[in-house]
Amino acid sequence: MFRDKKKKIDVIIFTYKRAMNLDACIDSVIMNCRQINYPINIIYRNDSKHKKSYEYLKKIYNEKIKFHERKSENILKNISLLLHPLNLLWILKWHKIYKEYSNFKKIFENILKESKKEYIMLCTDDTVITKKIYLDNIILRLIKKNGKKYWFRSNFGLDLYSKKKFKFINKNITWNANDRNISYFMKYHFQVEGSIYNKQFLLEFVKPFIYYNPTTLEAIGFKEAGYRGYFKQMISPLKRSAFTVELNTVQQDTNLRKKERANFSTKWLMKLFLKGYRFRYKNNKQNMKTIFELGNKRFVPNKIYLNFKKTIVEFIK
């Protein structure tokens, strides 16, 4: 991943009820991001029905992963957050922040504080890295010296928007989120799908605002980044390297895209995972519904193929 072997990256993955998805995500990160630091941090919301599947996952990866359990927490313990004026607006918009507040923010920021690495990659459990991610020392220095401005987006490339005249940095492209002539997806200057940030600036960014899960971290973070001038200059590979595999939806904060997905049962996938079935993403156009949305190209599977004892098993929704 990095030319300088001394430069390593800490990884944080968010998960809930999707151990099979998480297994595919972890495997793709290990395969395509060779200079990551271990253990990979997993922040998970516990569900008793899925406990065995996460215990099974732990046996697969052993010391390569570390779990951090998200638990309910009284929001009044974090009353100082109300000193940030925008947080009142976020609570009004996202009512569950008040009703279902958790220690997610505390766990996430503690990982950042304790990390000894300069770079952090964020992923959700339905993220897969499909190509080798290349960051040379020039890009690393940009992110290191001006992490408030520069960050790396694995989920974009010229295969999504080739008409724009990008600036090129070796084998990567860069553009500014304030450009009026780009797609909305290109303006999304904070997200967690295989994104790499300067650790110190990421921590500085997230500390003031309130969030209680990955959905609110990303949604509110996007608004905060715009208001506060963070992460305006994006860097991406020539070809997109990260995708969201839209097998199902588990978050309850919004119905966005839920009806468009096949919504393979998390309980059913869990049972298959415990029997030894493992999901590995392959972009087969015949078995994928392609959705163009605001400059993004989404892939929604209508079939999935699971590896089982060196054979491939097909499942149709």
C-alpha atoms as a PDB file:
ATOM      1  CA  MET A   1       0.000   0.000   0.000  1.00  0.00           C
ATOM      2  CA  PHE A   2       2.725   2.438   0.951  1.00  0.00           C
ATOM      3  CA  ARG A   3       6.143   2.600  -0.673  1.00  0.00           C
ATOM      4  CA  ASP A   4       7.721   3.504   2.674  1.00  0.00           C
ATOM      5  CA  LYS A   5       7.298   0.335   4.754  1.00  0.00           C
ATOM      6  CA  LYS A   6       7.637   2.366   7.927  1.00  0.00           C
ATOM      7  CA  LYS A   7       4.398   4.144   7.107  1.00  0.00           C
ATOM      8  CA  LYS A   8       1.491   2.024   8.263  1.00  0.00           C
ATOM      9  CA  ILE A   9      -2.194   2.683   8.694  1.00  0.00           C
ATOM     10  CA  ASP A  10      -4.670   1.831  11.429  1.00  0.00           C
ATOM     11  CA  VAL A  11      -8.034   0.516  10.255  1.00  0.00           C
ATOM     12  CA  ILE A  12     -11.439   0.979  11.927  1.00  0.00           C
ATOM     13  CA  ILE A  13     -14.463  -0.985  10.686  1.00  0.00           C
ATOM     14  CA  PHE A  14     -18.058  -0.485  11.874  1.00  0.00           C
ATOM     15  CA  THR A  15     -20.407  -3.488  12.034  1.00  0.00           C
ATOM     16  CA  TYR A  16     -23.834  -4.716  13.183  1.00  0.00           C
ATOM     17  CA  LYS A  17     -25.439  -8.135  12.595  1.00  0.00           C
ATOM     18  CA  ARG A  18     -23.321  -8.811   9.498  1.00  0.00           C
ATOM     19  CA  ALA A  19     -20.403 -11.074  10.393  1.00  0.00           C
ATOM     20  CA  MET A  20     -20.365 -12.566   6.880  1.00  0.00           C
ATOM     21  CA  ASN A  21     -20.123  -9.102   5.316  1.00  0.00           C
ATOM     22  CA  LEU A  22     -17.464  -8.135   7.832  1.00  0.00           C
ATOM     23  CA  ASP A  23     -15.440 -11.237   6.976  1.00  0.00           C
ATOM     24  CA  ALA A  24     -15.437 -10.210   3.298  1.00  0.00           C
ATOM     25  CA  CYS A  25     -14.493  -6.648   4.221  1.00  0.00           C
ATOM     26  CA  ILE A  26     -11.583  -7.713   6.445  1.00  0.00           C
ATOM     27  CA  ASP A  27     -10.301 -10.158   3.834  1.00  0.00           C
ATOM     28  CA  SER A  28     -10.396  -7.485   1.107  1.00  0.00           C
ATOM     29  CA  VAL A  29      -8.548  -4.978   3.299  1.00  0.00           C
ATOM     30  CA  ILE A  30      -5.834  -7.503   4.147  1.00  0.00           C
ATOM     31  CA  MET A  31      -5.461  -8.566   0.493  1.00  0.00           C
ATOM     32  CA  ASN A  32      -5.343  -5.079  -1.028  1.00  0.00           C
ATOM     33  CA  CYS A  33      -3.860  -2.887   1.718  1.00  0.00           C
ATOM     34  CA  ARG A  34      -0.631  -4.649   2.494  1.00  0.00           C
ATOM     35  CA  GLN A  35       0.846  -2.080   4.870  1.00  0.00           C
ATOM     36  CA  ILE A  36      -2.016  -1.927   7.353  1.00  0.00           C
ATOM     37  CA  ASN A  37      -1.293  -2.088  11.052  1.00  0.00           C
ATOM     38  CA  TYR A  38      -2.688  -4.871  13.217  1.00  0.00           C
ATOM     39  CA  PRO A  39      -4.967  -5.406  14.974  1.00  0.00           C
ATOM     40  CA  ILE A  40      -7.803  -4.062  12.833  1.00  0.00           C
ATOM     41  CA  ASN A  41     -10.257  -2.282  15.137  1.00  0.00           C
ATOM     42  CA  ILE A  42     -13.867  -3.467  14.925  1.00  0.00           C
ATOM     43  CA  ILE A  43     -16.559  -1.331  16.578  1.00  0.00           C
ATOM     44  CA  TYR A  44     -19.687  -3.455  16.833  1.00  0.00           C
ATOM     45  CA  ARG A  45     -23.194  -3.111  18.162  1.00  0.00           C
ATOM     46  CA  ASN A  46     -23.981  -6.342  19.968  1.00  0.00           C
ATOM     47  CA  ASP A  47     -26.984  -8.483  19.107  1.00  0.00           C
ATOM     48  CA  SER A  48     -27.386 -11.706  21.124  1.00  0.00           C
ATOM     49  CA  LYS A  49     -28.709 -13.621  18.093  1.00  0.00           C
ATOM     50  CA  HIS A  50     -25.505 -12.855  16.177  1.00  0.00           C
ATOM     51  CA  LYS A  51     -23.022 -13.347  19.006  1.00  0.00           C
ATOM     52  CA  LYS A  52     -21.822 -16.763  17.808  1.00  0.00           C
ATOM     53  CA  SER A  53     -21.082 -15.483  14.319  1.00  0.00           C
ATOM     54  CA  TYR A  54     -18.773 -12.776  15.673  1.00  0.00           C
ATOM     55  CA  GLU A  55     -17.082 -15.281  17.969  1.00  0.00           C
ATOM     56  CA  TYR A  56     -16.526 -17.490  14.917  1.00  0.00           C
ATOM     57  CA  LEU A  57     -15.062 -14.521  13.038  1.00  0.00           C
ATOM     58  CA  LYS A  58     -12.667 -13.894  15.903  1.00  0.00           C
ATOM     59  CA  LYS A  59     -11.404 -17.478  15.613  1.00  0.00           C
ATOM     60  CA  ILE A  60     -10.720 -16.954  11.895  1.00  0.00           C
ATOM     61  CA  TYR A  61      -8.591 -13.827  12.320  1.00  0.00           C
ATOM     62  CA  ASN A  62      -7.370 -14.222  15.916  1.00  0.00           C
ATOM     63  CA  GLU A  63      -4.980 -11.410  16.859  1.00  0.00           C
ATOM     64  CA  LYS A  64      -5.437  -9.598  13.552  1.00  0.00           C
ATOM     65  CA  ILE A  65      -8.677  -8.035  14.804  1.00  0.00           C
ATOM     66  CA  LYS A  66      -9.801  -6.361  18.022  1.00  0.00           C
ATOM     67  CA  PHE A  67     -13.439  -5.866  19.017  1.00  0.00           C
ATOM     68  CA  HIS A  68     -14.848  -2.810  20.778  1.00  0.00           C
ATOM     69  CA  GLU A  69     -18.460  -3.207  21.907  1.00  0.00           C
ATOM     70  CA  ARG A  70     -20.854  -0.306  21.538  1.00  0.00           C
ATOM     71  CA  LYS A  71     -23.263   0.083  24.486  1.00  0.00           C
ATOM     72  CA  SER A  72     -26.093   2.405  25.477  1.00  0.00           C
ATOM     73  CA  GLU A  73     -25.091   5.545  27.349  1.00  0.00           C
ATOM     74  CA  ASN A  74     -26.957   8.455  28.914  1.00  0.00           C
ATOM     75  CA  ILE A  75     -26.562  11.478  26.668  1.00  0.00           C
ATOM     76  CA  LEU A  76     -26.536  13.728  29.756  1.00  0.00           C
ATOM     77  CA  LYS A  77     -23.066  12.379  30.551  1.00  0.00           C
ATOM     78  CA  ASN A  78     -21.966  14.268  27.463  1.00  0.00           C
ATOM     79  CA  ILE A  79     -23.751  17.524  28.231  1.00  0.00           C
ATOM     80  CA  SER A  80     -20.650  19.508  27.262  1.00  0.00           C
ATOM     81  CA  LEU A  81     -21.395  18.651  23.631  1.00  0.00           C
ATOM     82  CA  LEU A  82     -24.256  21.133  23.769  1.00  0.00           C
ATOM     83  CA  LEU A  83     -21.630  23.904  23.842  1.00  0.00           C
ATOM     84  CA  HIS A  84     -21.187  23.237  20.133  1.00  0.00           C
ATOM     85  CA  PRO A  85     -24.177  25.205  18.725  1.00  0.00           C
ATOM     86  CA  LEU A  86     -24.761  22.935  15.725  1.00  0.00           C
ATOM     87  CA  ASN A  87     -25.369  19.935  17.990  1.00  0.00           C
ATOM     88  CA  LEU A  88     -28.818  21.241  18.952  1.00  0.00           C
ATOM     89  CA  LEU A  89     -29.674  21.233  15.257  1.00  0.00           C
ATOM     90  CA  TRP A  90     -28.373  17.675  14.822  1.00  0.00           C
ATOM     91  CA  ILE A  91     -30.404  16.407  17.782  1.00  0.00           C
ATOM     92  CA  LEU A  92     -33.558  17.974  16.351  1.00  0.00           C
ATOM     93  CA  LYS A  93     -32.882  16.368  12.969  1.00  0.00           C
ATOM     94  CA  TRP A  94     -31.795  12.973  14.284  1.00  0.00           C
ATOM     95  CA  HIS A  95     -34.162  12.276  17.195  1.00  0.00           C
ATOM     96  CA  LYS A  96     -32.601   8.897  17.975  1.00  0.00           C
ATOM     97  CA  ILE A  97     -29.398  10.617  19.053  1.00  0.00           C
ATOM     98  CA  TYR A  98     -31.219  11.600  22.240  1.00  0.00           C
ATOM     99  CA  LYS A  99     -33.297   8.429  22.604  1.00  0.00           C
ATOM    100  CA  GLU A 100     -30.662   5.828  21.720  1.00  0.00           C
ATOM    101  CA  TYR A 101     -27.357   7.511  22.538  1.00  0.00           C
ATOM    102  CA  SER A 102     -24.371   5.182  22.947  1.00  0.00           C
ATOM    103  CA  ASN A 103     -20.659   5.180  23.702  1.00  0.00           C
ATOM    104  CA  PHE A 104     -19.853   4.865  19.979  1.00  0.00           C
ATOM    105  CA  LYS A 105     -18.365   8.360  19.861  1.00  0.00           C
ATOM    106  CA  LYS A 106     -16.229   7.661  22.930  1.00  0.00           C
ATOM    107  CA  ILE A 107     -14.919   4.350  21.522  1.00  0.00           C
ATOM    108  CA  PHE A 108     -14.156   5.830  18.116  1.00  0.00           C
ATOM    109  CA  GLU A 109     -12.295   8.846  19.471  1.00  0.00           C
ATOM    110  CA  ASN A 110     -10.376   6.773  22.019  1.00  0.00           C
ATOM    111  CA  ILE A 111      -9.074   4.564  19.206  1.00  0.00           C
ATOM    112  CA  LEU A 112      -7.909   7.689  17.388  1.00  0.00           C
ATOM    113  CA  LYS A 113      -6.257   9.071  20.533  1.00  0.00           C
ATOM    114  CA  GLU A 114      -4.444   5.821  21.281  1.00  0.00           C
ATOM    115  CA  SER A 115      -3.316   5.157  17.722  1.00  0.00           C
ATOM    116  CA  LYS A 116       0.412   5.599  17.177  1.00  0.00           C
ATOM    117  CA  LYS A 117       0.018   5.803  13.400  1.00  0.00           C
ATOM    118  CA  GLU A 118      -0.399   8.964  11.346  1.00  0.00           C
ATOM    119  CA  TYR A 119      -3.111   7.600   9.048  1.00  0.00           C
ATOM    120  CA  ILE A 120      -6.535   6.049   9.646  1.00  0.00           C
ATOM    121  CA  MET A 121      -8.736   4.097   7.246  1.00  0.00           C
ATOM    122  CA  LEU A 122     -12.501   3.929   7.919  1.00  0.00           C
ATOM    123  CA  CYS A 123     -14.809   1.229   6.549  1.00  0.00           C
ATOM    124  CA  THR A 124     -18.297  -0.125   7.119  1.00  0.00           C
ATOM    125  CA  ASP A 125     -18.796  -3.883   7.189  1.00  0.00           C
ATOM    126  CA  ASP A 126     -20.339  -3.833   3.700  1.00  0.00           C
ATOM    127  CA  THR A 127     -17.282  -2.153   2.167  1.00  0.00           C
ATOM    128  CA  VAL A 128     -14.973  -4.218  -0.033  1.00  0.00           C
ATOM    129  CA  ILE A 129     -11.611  -3.132  -1.414  1.00  0.00           C
ATOM    130  CA  THR A 130     -11.338  -4.569  -4.920  1.00  0.00           C
ATOM    131  CA  LYS A 131      -7.996  -3.204  -6.157  1.00  0.00           C
ATOM    132  CA  LYS A 132      -4.579  -2.519  -4.681  1.00  0.00           C
ATOM    133  CA  ILE A 133      -4.537   0.907  -3.052  1.00  0.00           C
ATOM    134  CA  TYR A 134      -1.438   2.902  -3.929  1.00  0.00           C
ATOM    135  CA  LEU A 135      -0.339   5.969  -1.997  1.00  0.00           C
ATOM    136  CA  ASP A 136       3.178   7.163  -2.667  1.00  0.00           C
ATOM    137  CA  ASN A 137       5.244   9.425  -0.434  1.00  0.00           C
ATOM    138  CA  ILE A 138       4.061  12.575  -2.225  1.00  0.00           C
ATOM    139  CA  ILE A 139       0.429  11.850  -1.299  1.00  0.00           C
ATOM    140  CA  LEU A 140       1.373  10.796   2.207  1.00  0.00           C
ATOM    141  CA  ARG A 141       3.171  14.083   2.746  1.00  0.00           C
ATOM    142  CA  LEU A 142       0.133  16.050   1.517  1.00  0.00           C
ATOM    143  CA  ILE A 143      -2.152  14.239   3.961  1.00  0.00           C
ATOM    144  CA  LYS A 144       0.400  14.487   6.760  1.00  0.00           C
ATOM    145  CA  LYS A 145       1.174  18.203   6.391  1.00  0.00           C
ATOM    146  CA  ASN A 146      -2.331  19.414   5.571  1.00  0.00           C
ATOM    147  CA  GLY A 147      -4.741  16.780   6.819  1.00  0.00           C
ATOM    148  CA  LYS A 148      -7.481  19.347   7.288  1.00  0.00           C
ATOM    149  CA  LYS A 149      -7.581  19.768   3.533  1.00  0.00           C
ATOM    150  CA  TYR A 150      -6.366  16.504   1.949  1.00  0.00           C
ATOM    151  CA  TRP A 151      -7.709  12.961   2.334  1.00  0.00           C
ATOM    152  CA  PHE A 152      -7.913   9.803   0.208  1.00  0.00           C
ATOM    153  CA  ARG A 153     -11.174   8.452  -1.254  1.00  0.00           C
ATOM    154  CA  SER A 154     -10.919   4.831  -2.344  1.00  0.00           C
ATOM    155  CA  ASN A 155     -14.501   4.780  -3.660  1.00  0.00           C
ATOM    156  CA  PHE A 156     -13.956   7.124  -6.616  1.00  0.00           C
ATOM    157  CA  GLY A 157     -12.042   7.023  -9.897  1.00  0.00           C
ATOM    158  CA  LEU A 158     -12.053   8.047 -13.544  1.00  0.00           C
ATOM    159  CA  ASP A 159     -14.410   5.136 -14.281  1.00  0.00           C
ATOM    160  CA  LEU A 160     -17.106   7.178 -12.510  1.00  0.00           C
ATOM    161  CA  TYR A 161     -16.402  10.633 -13.947  1.00  0.00           C
ATOM    162  CA  SER A 162     -13.957  10.811 -16.830  1.00  0.00           C
ATOM    163  CA  LYS A 163     -15.146  14.096 -18.366  1.00  0.00           C
ATOM    164  CA  LYS A 164     -13.777  16.310 -15.622  1.00  0.00           C
ATOM    165  CA  LYS A 165     -10.253  17.677 -16.088  1.00  0.00           C
ATOM    166  CA  PHE A 166      -8.652  16.411 -12.900  1.00  0.00           C
ATOM    167  CA  LYS A 167      -5.208  17.208 -11.635  1.00  0.00           C
ATOM    168  CA  PHE A 168      -2.977  14.138 -11.548  1.00  0.00           C
ATOM    169  CA  ILE A 169      -0.631  13.147  -8.738  1.00  0.00           C
ATOM    170  CA  ASN A 170       1.347  10.192 -10.086  1.00  0.00           C
ATOM    171  CA  LYS A 171      -1.151   7.316 -10.283  1.00  0.00           C
ATOM    172  CA  ASN A 172      -3.946   9.228  -8.581  1.00  0.00           C
ATOM    173  CA  ILE A 173      -6.326  12.135  -9.247  1.00  0.00           C
ATOM    174  CA  THR A 174      -7.293  15.109  -7.100  1.00  0.00           C
ATOM    175  CA  TRP A 175     -10.081  17.705  -7.167  1.00  0.00           C
ATOM    176  CA  ASN A 176     -11.751  20.300  -4.963  1.00  0.00           C
ATOM    177  CA  ALA A 177     -15.208  19.800  -3.449  1.00  0.00           C
ATOM    178  CA  ASN A 178     -16.083  23.456  -4.058  1.00  0.00           C
ATOM    179  CA  ASP A 179     -15.942  23.037  -7.836  1.00  0.00           C
ATOM    180  CA  ARG A 180     -19.439  23.823  -9.146  1.00  0.00           C
ATOM    181  CA  ASN A 181     -18.972  21.688 -12.243  1.00  0.00           C
ATOM    182  CA  ILE A 182     -18.710  18.315 -10.529  1.00  0.00           C
ATOM    183  CA  SER A 183     -21.309  15.735  -9.510  1.00  0.00           C
ATOM    184  CA  TYR A 184     -22.857  15.668  -6.043  1.00  0.00           C
ATOM    185  CA  PHE A 185     -21.091  12.401  -5.258  1.00  0.00           C
ATOM    186  CA  MET A 186     -17.760  14.109  -5.917  1.00  0.00           C
ATOM    187  CA  LYS A 187     -18.678  16.821  -3.412  1.00  0.00           C
ATOM    188  CA  TYR A 188     -19.222  14.300  -0.645  1.00  0.00           C
ATOM    189  CA  HIS A 189     -16.130  15.392   1.253  1.00  0.00           C
ATOM    190  CA  PHE A 190     -16.552  13.203   4.310  1.00  0.00           C
ATOM    191  CA  GLN A 191     -17.469   9.531   4.173  1.00  0.00           C
ATOM    192  CA  VAL A 192     -16.365   6.199   5.603  1.00  0.00           C
ATOM    193  CA  GLU A 193     -16.185   3.811   2.643  1.00  0.00           C
ATOM    194  CA  GLY A 194     -12.485   2.955   2.517  1.00  0.00           C
ATOM    195  CA  SER A 195     -11.466   6.532   3.325  1.00  0.00           C
ATOM    196  CA  ILE A 196      -8.001   7.454   4.606  1.00  0.00           C
ATOM    197  CA  TYR A 197      -7.451  10.507   6.817  1.00  0.00           C
ATOM    198  CA  ASN A 198      -4.730  12.187   8.808  1.00  0.00           C
ATOM    199  CA  LYS A 199      -5.400  10.837  12.295  1.00  0.00           C
ATOM    200  CA  GLN A 200      -4.842  14.066  14.208  1.00  0.00           C
ATOM    201  CA  PHE A 201      -7.043  16.162  11.939  1.00  0.00           C
ATOM    202  CA  LEU A 202      -9.756  13.500  11.897  1.00  0.00           C
ATOM    203  CA  LEU A 203      -9.833  13.515  15.706  1.00  0.00           C
ATOM    204  CA  GLU A 204      -9.837  17.313  15.789  1.00  0.00           C
ATOM    205  CA  PHE A 205     -12.741  17.264  13.315  1.00  0.00           C
ATOM    206  CA  VAL A 206     -15.046  14.762  15.055  1.00  0.00           C
ATOM    207  CA  LYS A 207     -14.566  15.840  18.678  1.00  0.00           C
ATOM    208  CA  PRO A 208     -16.973  18.838  18.709  1.00  0.00           C
ATOM    209  CA  PHE A 209     -20.028  17.300  17.060  1.00  0.00           C
ATOM    210  CA  ILE A 210     -22.473  14.734  18.357  1.00  0.00           C
ATOM    211  CA  TYR A 211     -23.076  11.297  16.817  1.00  0.00           C
ATOM    212  CA  TYR A 212     -23.967   7.886  18.179  1.00  0.00           C
ATOM    213  CA  ASN A 213     -23.444   5.409  15.315  1.00  0.00           C
ATOM    214  CA  PRO A 214     -21.752   5.166  11.879  1.00  0.00           C
ATOM    215  CA  THR A 215     -24.793   6.600  10.071  1.00  0.00           C
ATOM    216  CA  THR A 216     -24.841   9.823  12.095  1.00  0.00           C
ATOM    217  CA  LEU A 217     -21.036  10.039  12.063  1.00  0.00           C
ATOM    218  CA  GLU A 218     -21.083  10.146   8.265  1.00  0.00           C
ATOM    219  CA  ALA A 219     -24.276  12.161   7.721  1.00  0.00           C
ATOM    220  CA  ILE A 220     -23.542  14.829  10.315  1.00  0.00           C
ATOM    221  CA  GLY A 221     -19.832  14.714   9.505  1.00  0.00           C
ATOM    222  CA  PHE A 222     -20.598  15.617   5.898  1.00  0.00           C
ATOM    223  CA  LYS A 223     -22.505  18.732   7.002  1.00  0.00           C
ATOM    224  CA  GLU A 224     -19.897  19.670   9.614  1.00  0.00           C
ATOM    225  CA  ALA A 225     -17.066  19.333   7.101  1.00  0.00           C
ATOM    226  CA  GLY A 226     -18.843  21.811   4.828  1.00  0.00           C
ATOM    227  CA  TYR A 227     -19.566  24.329   7.572  1.00  0.00           C
ATOM    228  CA  ARG A 228     -16.094  24.123   9.118  1.00  0.00           C
ATOM    229  CA  GLY A 229     -13.986  23.846   5.955  1.00  0.00           C
ATOM    230  CA  TYR A 230     -12.591  20.326   6.353  1.00  0.00           C
ATOM    231  CA  PHE A 231     -11.509  17.784   3.724  1.00  0.00           C
ATOM    232  CA  LYS A 232     -12.175  19.909   0.630  1.00  0.00           C
ATOM    233  CA  GLN A 233      -9.355  18.435  -1.469  1.00  0.00           C
ATOM    234  CA  MET A 234      -9.943  14.814  -2.375  1.00  0.00           C
ATOM    235  CA  ILE A 235      -7.442  12.318  -3.760  1.00  0.00           C
ATOM    236  CA  SER A 236      -8.550   9.088  -5.472  1.00  0.00           C
ATOM    237  CA  PRO A 237      -7.008   6.288  -7.533  1.00  0.00           C
ATOM    238  CA  LEU A 238      -7.385   6.294 -11.318  1.00  0.00           C
ATOM    239  CA  LYS A 239      -9.904   3.460 -10.966  1.00  0.00           C
ATOM    240  CA  ARG A 240     -12.305   3.058  -8.094  1.00  0.00           C
ATOM    241  CA  SER A 241     -10.962   0.700  -5.440  1.00  0.00           C
ATOM    242  CA  ALA A 242     -13.802   0.493  -2.881  1.00  0.00           C
ATOM    243  CA  PHE A 243     -17.479  -0.428  -3.184  1.00  0.00           C
ATOM    244  CA  THR A 244     -20.449  -0.848  -0.915  1.00  0.00           C
ATOM    245  CA  VAL A 245     -21.924  -4.324  -1.416  1.00  0.00           C
ATOM    246  CA  GLU A 246     -25.631  -3.624  -1.018  1.00  0.00           C
ATOM    247  CA  LEU A 247     -26.811  -7.031   0.204  1.00  0.00           C
ATOM    248  CA  ASN A 248     -29.084  -5.621   2.900  1.00  0.00           C
ATOM    249  CA  THR A 249     -29.769  -2.739   5.272  1.00  0.00           C
ATOM    250  CA  VAL A 250     -29.400  -2.926   9.059  1.00  0.00           C
ATOM    251  CA  GLN A 251     -29.373   0.724  10.186  1.00  0.00           C
ATOM    252  CA  GLN A 252     -32.709   2.152  11.353  1.00  0.00           C
ATOM    253  CA  ASP A 253     -32.032   5.891  11.100  1.00  0.00           C
ATOM    254  CA  THR A 254     -33.227   6.246   7.519  1.00  0.00           C
ATOM    255  CA  ASN A 255     -35.039   4.219   4.851  1.00  0.00           C
ATOM    256  CA  LEU A 256     -32.645   5.525   2.206  1.00  0.00           C
ATOM    257  CA  ARG A 257     -32.033   2.818  -0.450  1.00  0.00           C
ATOM    258  CA  LYS A 258     -33.675   0.132   1.687  1.00  0.00           C
ATOM    259  CA  LYS A 259     -36.387  -0.658  -0.884  1.00  0.00           C
ATOM    260  CA  GLU A 260     -33.835  -0.858  -3.714  1.00  0.00           C
ATOM    261  CA  ARG A 261     -31.795  -3.600  -2.070  1.00  0.00           C
ATOM    262  CA  ALA A 262     -32.482  -7.327  -2.206  1.00  0.00           C
ATOM    263  CA  ASN A 263     -32.199  -7.366   1.611  1.00  0.00           C
ATOM    264  CA  PHE A 264     -30.822 -10.849   2.024  1.00  0.00           C
ATOM    265  CA  SER A 265     -31.729 -11.870   5.581  1.00  0.00           C
ATOM    266  CA  THR A 266     -28.926 -11.187   8.053  1.00  0.00           C
ATOM    267  CA  LYS A 267     -30.137 -14.147  10.137  1.00  0.00           C
ATOM    268  CA  TRP A 268     -30.008 -16.480   7.130  1.00  0.00           C
ATOM    269  CA  LEU A 269     -26.542 -15.250   6.134  1.00  0.00           C
ATOM    270  CA  MET A 270     -25.370 -15.683   9.721  1.00  0.00           C
ATOM    271  CA  LYS A 271     -26.480 -19.344   9.740  1.00  0.00           C
ATOM    272  CA  LEU A 272     -24.658 -19.983   6.470  1.00  0.00           C
ATOM    273  CA  PHE A 273     -21.530 -18.265   7.787  1.00  0.00           C
ATOM    274  CA  LEU A 274     -21.511 -20.475  10.881  1.00  0.00           C
ATOM    275  CA  LYS A 275     -21.708 -23.518   8.580  1.00  0.00           C
ATOM    276  CA  GLY A 276     -18.574 -22.376   6.768  1.00  0.00           C
ATOM    277  CA  TYR A 277     -19.937 -20.358   3.848  1.00  0.00           C
ATOM    278  CA  ARG A 278     -17.954 -17.202   3.065  1.00  0.00           C
ATOM    279  CA  PHE A 279     -18.822 -14.278   0.816  1.00  0.00           C
ATOM    280  CA  ARG A 280     -16.289 -12.861  -1.638  1.00  0.00           C
ATOM    281  CA  TYR A 281     -17.292  -9.960  -3.855  1.00  0.00           C
ATOM    282  CA  LYS A 282     -17.099 -10.343  -7.637  1.00  0.00           C
ATOM    283  CA  ASN A 283     -18.505  -7.745 -10.000  1.00  0.00           C
ATOM    284  CA  ASN A 284     -20.643  -9.849 -12.336  1.00  0.00           C
ATOM    285  CA  LYS A 285     -22.795  -7.494 -14.410  1.00  0.00           C
ATOM    286  CA  GLN A 286     -25.390 -10.181 -15.106  1.00  0.00           C
ATOM    287  CA  ASN A 287     -26.113 -10.621 -11.419  1.00  0.00           C
ATOM    288  CA  MET A 288     -25.951  -6.966 -10.412  1.00  0.00           C
ATOM    289  CA  LYS A 289     -28.484  -4.196 -10.673  1.00  0.00           C
ATOM    290  CA  THR A 290     -26.624  -1.002 -11.533  1.00  0.00           C
ATOM    291  CA  ILE A 291     -28.081   2.224 -10.142  1.00  0.00           C
ATOM    292  CA  PHE A 292     -26.738   5.623 -11.193  1.00  0.00           C
ATOM    293  CA  GLU A 293     -27.264   8.117  -8.392  1.00  0.00           C
ATOM    294  CA  LEU A 294     -25.942  11.683  -8.192  1.00  0.00           C
ATOM    295  CA  GLY A 295     -22.738  10.762  -9.994  1.00  0.00           C
ATOM    296  CA  ASN A 296     -22.261   7.476  -8.159  1.00  0.00           C
ATOM    297  CA  LYS A 297     -22.551   4.009  -9.651  1.00  0.00           C
ATOM    298  CA  ARG A 298     -24.129   1.613  -7.169  1.00  0.00           C
ATOM    299  CA  PHE A 299     -24.165  -2.172  -7.446  1.00  0.00           C
ATOM    300  CA  VAL A 300     -27.056  -4.091  -5.902  1.00  0.00           C
ATOM    301  CA  PRO A 301     -26.719  -7.919  -6.121  1.00  0.00           C
ATOM    302  CA  ASN A 302     -29.779  -9.997  -7.025  1.00  0.00           C
ATOM    303  CA  LYS A 303     -27.706 -13.160  -6.636  1.00  0.00           C
ATOM    304  CA  ILE A 304     -24.843 -13.950  -4.291  1.00  0.00           C
ATOM    305  CA  TYR A 305     -22.130 -16.541  -4.592  1.00  0.00           C
ATOM    306  CA  LEU A 306     -20.696 -18.061  -1.440  1.00  0.00           C
ATOM    307  CA  ASN A 307     -17.486 -20.067  -1.149  1.00  0.00           C
ATOM    308  CA  PHE A 308     -17.965 -23.413   0.598  1.00  0.00           C
ATOM    309  CA  LYS A 309     -15.290 -26.126   0.782  1.00  0.00           C
ATOM    310  CA  LYS A 310     -13.594 -24.953  -2.414  1.00  0.00           C
ATOM    311  CA  THR A 311     -16.869 -24.823  -4.327  1.00  0.00           C
ATOM    312  CA  ILE A 312     -19.063 -21.859  -5.303  1.00  0.00           C
ATOM    313  CA  VAL A 313     -22.722 -21.976  -4.258  1.00  0.00           C
ATOM    314  CA  GLU A 314     -25.277 -19.673  -5.882  1.00  0.00           C
ATOM    315  CA  PHE A 315     -28.146 -18.124  -3.935  1.00  0.00           C
ATOM    316  CA  ILE A 316     -30.995 -16.144  -5.474  1.00  0.00           C
ATOM    317  CA  LYS A 317     -33.124 -13.717  -3.498  1.00  0.00           C
END
